[in-house]
Amino acid sequence: MLNYALGIIEVQGYSVALAVADSACKASDVKLAAMDCNAPALGDRANIPLMVQIKLIGSIDDVQVALEVAKRKALNYNEEKDILTHIITRPYEDLQKLINVGKVKIK
């Protein structure tokens, strides 16, 4: 088991994702691990036809704070039904290979 928490938030829109990630990282001691993009279930019929997943890592408390702040920020742009959050405490070690995977490259 890994000794940190993984926080995940999915929002609609790339610019929304950037604002959400910025707020989350400023609110607590978390690291932006990866961002990934895909089409929402409605595809081109969606209001914003792009879902962005943001992955954050840090202590359980810090990740919880970051996700709360991130969701509040996302609610300025997206409807609550279009925002998904999840926290995985002490992820299984093999997940480490997937945590940093994303279509958006962080250098």
Protein backbone atom coordinates (compact mmCIF):
# COMPACT_ATOMS: atom_id res chain seq x y z
CA MET A 1 0.00 0.00 0.00
CA LEU A 2 1.14 3.51 -0.78
CA ASN A 3 1.43 6.01 2.04
CA TYR A 4 -0.65 8.84 0.57
CA ALA A 5 -4.16 9.52 -0.70
CA LEU A 6 -5.25 9.90 -4.31
CA GLY A 7 -7.96 12.45 -4.98
CA ILE A 8 -9.85 12.52 -8.25
CA ILE A 9 -12.19 15.20 -9.54
CA GLU A 10 -13.85 15.19 -12.95
CA VAL A 11 -15.29 18.37 -14.45
CA GLN A 12 -16.53 19.55 -17.82
CA GLY A 13 -14.20 21.82 -19.77
CA TYR A 14 -10.44 22.25 -19.91
CA SER A 15 -10.41 25.85 -18.67
CA VAL A 16 -12.64 24.80 -15.77
CA ALA A 17 -10.20 21.99 -14.99
CA LEU A 18 -7.29 24.42 -14.90
CA ALA A 19 -9.14 26.75 -12.51
CA VAL A 20 -10.16 23.79 -10.34
CA ALA A 21 -6.62 22.35 -10.23
CA ASP A 22 -5.18 25.76 -9.37
CA SER A 23 -7.64 26.25 -6.50
CA ALA A 24 -7.07 22.73 -5.15
CA CYS A 25 -3.28 23.02 -5.17
CA LYS A 26 -3.35 26.45 -3.52
CA ALA A 27 -5.77 25.30 -0.81
CA SER A 28 -3.66 22.50 0.65
CA ASP A 29 -0.42 20.60 0.35
CA VAL A 30 -1.23 18.39 -2.63
CA LYS A 31 0.58 17.63 -5.86
CA LEU A 32 -1.04 17.61 -9.27
CA ALA A 33 -0.22 14.09 -10.46
CA ALA A 34 -2.01 13.99 -13.82
CA MET A 35 -4.88 15.26 -15.97
CA ASP A 36 -6.81 13.19 -18.45
CA CYS A 37 -9.52 14.05 -20.97
CA ASN A 38 -12.40 12.14 -22.51
CA ALA A 39 -15.81 12.72 -24.02
CA PRO A 40 -18.80 12.87 -21.66
CA ALA A 41 -21.58 10.29 -21.99
CA LEU A 42 -23.66 12.73 -24.08
CA GLY A 43 -20.76 13.31 -26.47
CA ASP A 44 -21.28 16.31 -28.73
CA ARG A 45 -24.77 16.86 -27.28
CA ALA A 46 -23.25 17.84 -23.92
CA ASN A 47 -23.11 21.53 -22.98
CA ILE A 48 -19.33 21.21 -22.81
CA PRO A 49 -18.20 18.16 -24.82
CA LEU A 50 -15.05 17.46 -22.80
CA MET A 51 -14.62 15.79 -19.41
CA VAL A 52 -11.32 16.39 -17.63
CA GLN A 53 -10.11 14.24 -14.76
CA ILE A 54 -7.66 15.79 -12.31
CA LYS A 55 -5.59 13.51 -10.06
CA LEU A 56 -4.13 14.92 -6.84
CA ILE A 57 -1.89 13.22 -4.29
CA GLY A 58 -1.10 14.11 -0.69
CA SER A 59 -2.08 13.25 2.84
CA ILE A 60 -5.68 12.15 3.40
CA ASP A 61 -6.56 15.43 5.13
CA ASP A 62 -4.90 17.58 2.48
CA VAL A 63 -6.57 15.70 -0.37
CA GLN A 64 -9.98 16.00 1.30
CA VAL A 65 -9.54 19.77 1.68
CA ALA A 66 -8.30 20.08 -1.91
CA LEU A 67 -11.31 18.16 -3.28
CA GLU A 68 -13.77 20.25 -1.26
CA VAL A 69 -12.23 23.49 -2.54
CA ALA A 70 -12.01 22.10 -6.08
CA LYS A 71 -15.68 21.10 -6.10
CA ARG A 72 -16.77 24.52 -4.83
CA LYS A 73 -14.75 26.14 -7.63
CA ALA A 74 -16.17 23.75 -10.23
CA LEU A 75 -19.73 24.59 -9.14
CA ASN A 76 -19.12 28.12 -10.48
CA TYR A 77 -19.01 26.62 -13.99
CA ASN A 78 -20.58 23.13 -13.96
CA GLU A 79 -23.77 21.69 -12.56
CA GLU A 80 -23.31 19.45 -9.52
CA LYS A 81 -24.45 16.38 -11.47
CA ASP A 82 -21.51 16.92 -13.85
CA ILE A 83 -18.84 16.98 -11.12
CA LEU A 84 -17.46 13.73 -9.74
CA THR A 85 -15.06 13.42 -6.82
CA HIS A 86 -13.45 10.39 -5.23
CA ILE A 87 -10.66 9.75 -2.75
CA ILE A 88 -8.62 6.58 -2.48
CA THR A 89 -6.76 6.34 0.80
CA ARG A 90 -3.48 4.45 0.65
CA PRO A 91 -3.87 3.15 -2.93
CA TYR A 92 -2.70 -0.32 -3.87
CA GLU A 93 0.91 -0.18 -5.13
CA ASP A 94 0.11 -1.32 -8.67
CA LEU A 95 -2.12 1.75 -9.11
CA GLN A 96 1.03 3.90 -8.98
CA LYS A 97 1.66 2.96 -12.61
CA LEU A 98 -1.69 4.47 -13.59
CA ILE A 99 -1.82 7.53 -11.36
CA ASN A 100 0.55 9.60 -13.49
CA VAL A 101 -1.00 8.46 -16.77
CA GLY A 102 -2.98 11.08 -18.65
CA LYS A 103 -3.46 12.63 -22.06
CA VAL A 104 -2.35 16.02 -20.73
CA LYS A 105 1.42 15.90 -20.27
CA ILE A 106 2.84 17.51 -17.14
CA LYS A 107 6.54 18.24 -17.50
